[in-house]
Amino acid sequence: MPIIINLDVQLAKKKMSVTDFAAAIDITPANVSVLKNGRAKAVRFTTLDAICRVLDCQPGDILEWVPDDHPAAADGAGLEAGAGA
């Protein structure tokens, strides 16, 4: 059950760099990259809250569920249960 993270879209809308975004939500640029590239295993609610607050968006604006048989699921991008940012 992959979850796709559409963080790039929201960052582009706000014209915000990864470095500025990372500083604003108090995580490292490397962890922002993990989120953007769909390699995160999980996202803490506090991190999700900070993302939504800084980008002035709803969780559904950056998180998208796709069924296992959807072509995007084959990419391996997204979140799965486990440790994370």
Protein backbone atom coordinates (compact mmCIF):
# COMPACT_ATOMS: atom_id res chain seq x y z
CA MET A 1 0.00 0.00 0.00
CA PRO A 2 2.27 2.77 -1.21
CA ILE A 3 1.86 6.36 -0.19
CA ILE A 4 3.31 8.85 -2.68
CA ILE A 5 4.80 12.06 -1.29
CA ASN A 6 4.18 15.08 -3.51
CA LEU A 7 6.45 17.43 -1.59
CA ASP A 8 8.13 18.87 -4.72
CA VAL A 9 4.82 20.29 -5.93
CA GLN A 10 4.18 22.17 -2.69
CA LEU A 11 7.78 23.42 -2.46
CA ALA A 12 7.55 24.73 -6.03
CA LYS A 13 4.26 26.48 -5.29
CA LYS A 14 5.88 28.26 -2.35
CA LYS A 15 9.14 28.81 -4.30
CA MET A 16 11.01 27.41 -1.33
CA SER A 17 14.41 25.73 -1.46
CA VAL A 18 15.10 22.43 0.27
CA THR A 19 17.60 24.18 2.55
CA ASP A 20 15.11 26.86 3.62
CA PHE A 21 12.35 24.28 4.03
CA ALA A 22 14.56 22.00 6.14
CA ALA A 23 15.47 24.90 8.42
CA ALA A 24 11.82 25.95 8.73
CA ILE A 25 10.65 22.49 9.83
CA ASP A 26 13.80 21.76 11.85
CA ILE A 27 15.05 18.65 10.04
CA THR A 28 18.19 18.14 7.98
CA PRO A 29 18.24 18.73 4.22
CA ALA A 30 19.19 15.04 3.90
CA ASN A 31 15.94 14.04 5.63
CA VAL A 32 13.96 16.37 3.35
CA SER A 33 15.60 14.58 0.43
CA VAL A 34 14.51 11.22 1.87
CA LEU A 35 10.94 12.51 2.04
CA LYS A 36 11.03 14.03 -1.45
CA ASN A 37 12.46 10.88 -3.03
CA GLY A 38 9.93 8.57 -1.39
CA ARG A 39 12.51 6.67 0.65
CA ALA A 40 10.97 7.50 4.05
CA LYS A 41 9.52 4.56 5.96
CA ALA A 42 7.32 6.79 8.13
CA VAL A 43 6.65 10.40 9.03
CA ARG A 44 6.06 11.59 12.58
CA PHE A 45 2.90 13.59 13.14
CA THR A 46 5.02 16.43 14.53
CA THR A 47 6.99 16.50 11.27
CA LEU A 48 3.80 16.33 9.20
CA ASP A 49 2.36 19.18 11.29
CA ALA A 50 5.47 21.30 10.67
CA ILE A 51 5.38 20.54 6.93
CA CYS A 52 1.72 21.55 6.66
CA ARG A 53 2.23 24.66 8.77
CA VAL A 54 5.22 25.89 6.74
CA LEU A 55 3.70 25.05 3.36
CA ASP A 56 0.20 26.18 4.42
CA CYS A 57 -1.35 22.97 3.13
CA GLN A 58 -3.29 19.91 4.24
CA PRO A 59 -1.73 16.43 4.61
CA GLY A 60 -3.73 15.33 1.56
CA ASP A 61 -1.95 17.97 -0.51
CA ILE A 62 1.35 16.14 -0.06
CA LEU A 63 0.36 12.53 0.67
CA GLU A 64 -1.39 10.35 -1.91
CA TRP A 65 -2.37 6.70 -1.49
CA VAL A 66 -2.20 4.48 -4.57
CA PRO A 67 -3.25 0.83 -4.80
CA ASP A 68 -0.55 -1.84 -5.07
CA ASP A 69 -1.44 -2.53 -8.71
CA HIS A 70 -1.10 1.15 -9.73
CA PRO A 71 1.95 1.95 -11.93
CA ALA A 72 3.24 4.46 -9.36
CA ALA A 73 3.38 1.65 -6.78
CA ALA A 74 5.97 -0.16 -8.88
CA ASP A 75 8.38 2.76 -8.42
CA GLY A 76 8.83 1.83 -4.78
CA ALA A 77 8.27 5.48 -3.91
CA GLY A 78 6.36 6.29 -0.79
CA LEU A 79 5.95 5.49 2.85
CA GLU A 80 5.68 2.17 4.60
CA ALA A 81 5.37 1.24 8.25
CA GLY A 82 8.59 1.59 10.19
CA ALA A 83 11.00 4.22 11.49
CA GLY A 84 11.21 7.56 9.77
CA ALA A 85 11.67 11.29 9.69
